[in-house]
Every structure is written in C-alpha cells, then in structure tokens.
Amino acid sequence: MVGYWLTIIGVLLVLEGAPWFLSPDRIRSLLAELSRLPDPVLRAMGFLAMAAGLFLVWIGRNWLPLGEGGPIAVQSPVGPRVDQGLGPKIPG
C-alpha cells in the first residue's frame, strides 16, 4: 500500500515539475496572468480541476482493467482473481 501512494506522489511530482523544467519563463508569465484573475474564476477553475480528478479516479477504480480495481476480471498466472472489494462485484 505504501508503494501505491509513493507511486501516486511520484507521478504527481513529475507532472508538476515538468512545466517548470521545460519552460520556466512561460510558467512565470502564466502565473502572473492567473494572479490578475478574480477569486470566483480561480475557485471555479479549482473546482473543475478537482471534479475532473475525482472523475478520473472513479473511472480508474471502477471501469479500467487495472488489476483489482475494475469490473473486468484479469486472469493471474498463479490462479483466479481474488475480489478484495475494490470495485463493483462481478457475478460468476
């Protein structure tokens, strides 16, 4: 479980750091433009980003065959899949 969280944090840091590495001047100018926007606009952008993130997490946990998280049974080379309650129950 700790490895899972470290992977998530690592990917987050890569995604957050890439724009700063690739084009720091453009990021500075973008931040200057964002600082001029009114608070309601920034809050709406933040809300939409959180909603999109939650939707992607929901899709990933419920509908993609990523091991234990999705409704599509993935056959293991060592035996049948064990449902640990991480996704919708699969009949049969």
C-alpha atoms as a PDB file:
ATOM      1  CA  MET A   1       0.000   0.000   0.000  1.00  0.00           C
ATOM      2  CA  VAL A   2       2.865   2.397   0.748  1.00  0.00           C
ATOM      3  CA  GLY A   3       4.325   1.685  -2.694  1.00  0.00           C
ATOM      4  CA  TYR A   4       1.000   2.640  -4.265  1.00  0.00           C
ATOM      5  CA  TRP A   5       0.996   6.030  -2.520  1.00  0.00           C
ATOM      6  CA  LEU A   6       4.658   6.647  -3.318  1.00  0.00           C
ATOM      7  CA  THR A   7       3.880   5.941  -6.981  1.00  0.00           C
ATOM      8  CA  ILE A   8       0.992   8.424  -6.947  1.00  0.00           C
ATOM      9  CA  ILE A   9       3.095  11.123  -5.282  1.00  0.00           C
ATOM     10  CA  GLY A  10       5.991  10.452  -7.667  1.00  0.00           C
ATOM     11  CA  VAL A  11       3.791  10.795 -10.749  1.00  0.00           C
ATOM     12  CA  LEU A  12       2.266  13.956  -9.297  1.00  0.00           C
ATOM     13  CA  LEU A  13       5.714  15.480  -8.741  1.00  0.00           C
ATOM     14  CA  VAL A  14       6.809  14.584 -12.282  1.00  0.00           C
ATOM     15  CA  LEU A  15       3.686  16.201 -13.738  1.00  0.00           C
ATOM     16  CA  GLU A  16       4.021  19.277 -11.532  1.00  0.00           C
ATOM     17  CA  GLY A  17       7.735  19.705 -12.209  1.00  0.00           C
ATOM     18  CA  ALA A  18       7.729  19.152 -15.978  1.00  0.00           C
ATOM     19  CA  PRO A  19       6.381  22.615 -16.949  1.00  0.00           C
ATOM     20  CA  TRP A  20       8.900  24.342 -14.667  1.00  0.00           C
ATOM     21  CA  PHE A  21      11.745  22.340 -16.200  1.00  0.00           C
ATOM     22  CA  LEU A  22      10.612  22.721 -19.802  1.00  0.00           C
ATOM     23  CA  SER A  23       9.666  26.408 -19.854  1.00  0.00           C
ATOM     24  CA  PRO A  24      10.112  28.384 -16.630  1.00  0.00           C
ATOM     25  CA  ASP A  25       9.569  31.758 -18.357  1.00  0.00           C
ATOM     26  CA  ARG A  26       6.167  30.713 -19.718  1.00  0.00           C
ATOM     27  CA  ILE A  27       5.141  29.406 -16.293  1.00  0.00           C
ATOM     28  CA  ARG A  28       6.101  32.734 -14.695  1.00  0.00           C
ATOM     29  CA  SER A  29       4.028  34.663 -17.227  1.00  0.00           C
ATOM     30  CA  LEU A  30       1.105  32.253 -16.805  1.00  0.00           C
ATOM     31  CA  LEU A  31       1.226  32.717 -13.028  1.00  0.00           C
ATOM     32  CA  ALA A  32       1.290  36.500 -13.491  1.00  0.00           C
ATOM     33  CA  GLU A  33      -1.826  36.265 -15.677  1.00  0.00           C
ATOM     34  CA  LEU A  34      -3.539  33.953 -13.189  1.00  0.00           C
ATOM     35  CA  SER A  35      -2.798  36.351 -10.328  1.00  0.00           C
ATOM     36  CA  ARG A  36      -4.860  39.005 -12.126  1.00  0.00           C
ATOM     37  CA  LEU A  37      -7.983  36.821 -12.342  1.00  0.00           C
ATOM     38  CA  PRO A  38     -10.754  37.395  -9.784  1.00  0.00           C
ATOM     39  CA  ASP A  39     -11.195  34.907  -6.940  1.00  0.00           C
ATOM     40  CA  PRO A  40     -14.502  33.427  -8.221  1.00  0.00           C
ATOM     41  CA  VAL A  41     -12.829  32.487 -11.519  1.00  0.00           C
ATOM     42  CA  LEU A  42      -9.896  30.856  -9.728  1.00  0.00           C
ATOM     43  CA  ARG A  43     -12.277  28.975  -7.432  1.00  0.00           C
ATOM     44  CA  ALA A  44     -14.286  27.742 -10.420  1.00  0.00           C
ATOM     45  CA  MET A  45     -11.086  26.558 -12.138  1.00  0.00           C
ATOM     46  CA  GLY A  46     -10.004  24.784  -8.952  1.00  0.00           C
ATOM     47  CA  PHE A  47     -13.405  23.142  -8.558  1.00  0.00           C
ATOM     48  CA  LEU A  48     -13.395  21.939 -12.166  1.00  0.00           C
ATOM     49  CA  ALA A  49      -9.881  20.535 -11.758  1.00  0.00           C
ATOM     50  CA  MET A  50     -10.915  18.665  -8.581  1.00  0.00           C
ATOM     51  CA  ALA A  51     -14.086  17.340 -10.230  1.00  0.00           C
ATOM     52  CA  ALA A  52     -12.110  16.138 -13.266  1.00  0.00           C
ATOM     53  CA  GLY A  53      -9.569  14.473 -10.991  1.00  0.00           C
ATOM     54  CA  LEU A  54     -12.252  12.707  -8.964  1.00  0.00           C
ATOM     55  CA  PHE A  55     -13.926  11.561 -12.171  1.00  0.00           C
ATOM     56  CA  LEU A  56     -10.647  10.117 -13.470  1.00  0.00           C
ATOM     57  CA  VAL A  57     -10.043   8.344 -10.156  1.00  0.00           C
ATOM     58  CA  TRP A  58     -13.572   6.913 -10.295  1.00  0.00           C
ATOM     59  CA  ILE A  59     -13.056   5.728 -13.885  1.00  0.00           C
ATOM     60  CA  GLY A  60      -9.721   4.185 -12.976  1.00  0.00           C
ATOM     61  CA  ARG A  61     -11.072   2.413  -9.907  1.00  0.00           C
ATOM     62  CA  ASN A  62     -14.329   1.179 -11.418  1.00  0.00           C
ATOM     63  CA  TRP A  63     -14.047   0.693 -15.160  1.00  0.00           C
ATOM     64  CA  LEU A  64     -10.482   0.013 -16.228  1.00  0.00           C
ATOM     65  CA  PRO A  65      -8.957  -3.473 -16.076  1.00  0.00           C
ATOM     66  CA  LEU A  66      -6.050  -2.435 -13.860  1.00  0.00           C
ATOM     67  CA  GLY A  67      -5.742  -5.482 -11.677  1.00  0.00           C
ATOM     68  CA  GLU A  68      -8.003  -5.303  -8.656  1.00  0.00           C
ATOM     69  CA  GLY A  69      -9.738  -2.036  -9.495  1.00  0.00           C
ATOM     70  CA  GLY A  70     -12.010  -2.794 -12.432  1.00  0.00           C
ATOM     71  CA  PRO A  71     -15.028  -4.905 -13.316  1.00  0.00           C
ATOM     72  CA  ILE A  72     -13.130  -6.841 -15.990  1.00  0.00           C
ATOM     73  CA  ALA A  73     -11.625  -9.968 -14.491  1.00  0.00           C
ATOM     74  CA  VAL A  74      -7.903 -10.186 -15.099  1.00  0.00           C
ATOM     75  CA  GLN A  75      -6.519 -13.697 -15.036  1.00  0.00           C
ATOM     76  CA  SER A  76      -3.466 -14.130 -12.872  1.00  0.00           C
ATOM     77  CA  PRO A  77      -0.751 -16.582 -13.927  1.00  0.00           C
ATOM     78  CA  VAL A  78      -0.849 -18.057 -10.414  1.00  0.00           C
ATOM     79  CA  GLY A  79      -4.600 -18.580 -10.129  1.00  0.00           C
ATOM     80  CA  PRO A  80      -8.022 -16.935 -10.303  1.00  0.00           C
ATOM     81  CA  ARG A  81      -8.618 -13.331  -9.368  1.00  0.00           C
ATOM     82  CA  VAL A  82      -9.473 -12.707  -5.745  1.00  0.00           C
ATOM     83  CA  ASP A  83     -12.061  -9.971  -5.294  1.00  0.00           C
ATOM     84  CA  GLN A  84     -10.977  -7.722  -2.432  1.00  0.00           C
ATOM     85  CA  GLY A  85     -13.924  -5.372  -2.657  1.00  0.00           C
ATOM     86  CA  LEU A  86     -12.044  -2.674  -4.576  1.00  0.00           C
ATOM     87  CA  GLY A  87     -14.521  -2.439  -7.434  1.00  0.00           C
ATOM     88  CA  PRO A  88     -18.005  -3.495  -8.437  1.00  0.00           C
ATOM     89  CA  LYS A  89     -18.891  -7.105  -7.694  1.00  0.00           C
ATOM     90  CA  ILE A  90     -18.548  -9.364 -10.711  1.00  0.00           C
ATOM     91  CA  PRO A  91     -21.182 -12.096 -10.913  1.00  0.00           C
ATOM     92  CA  GLY A  92     -19.951 -15.564 -11.707  1.00  0.00           C
END
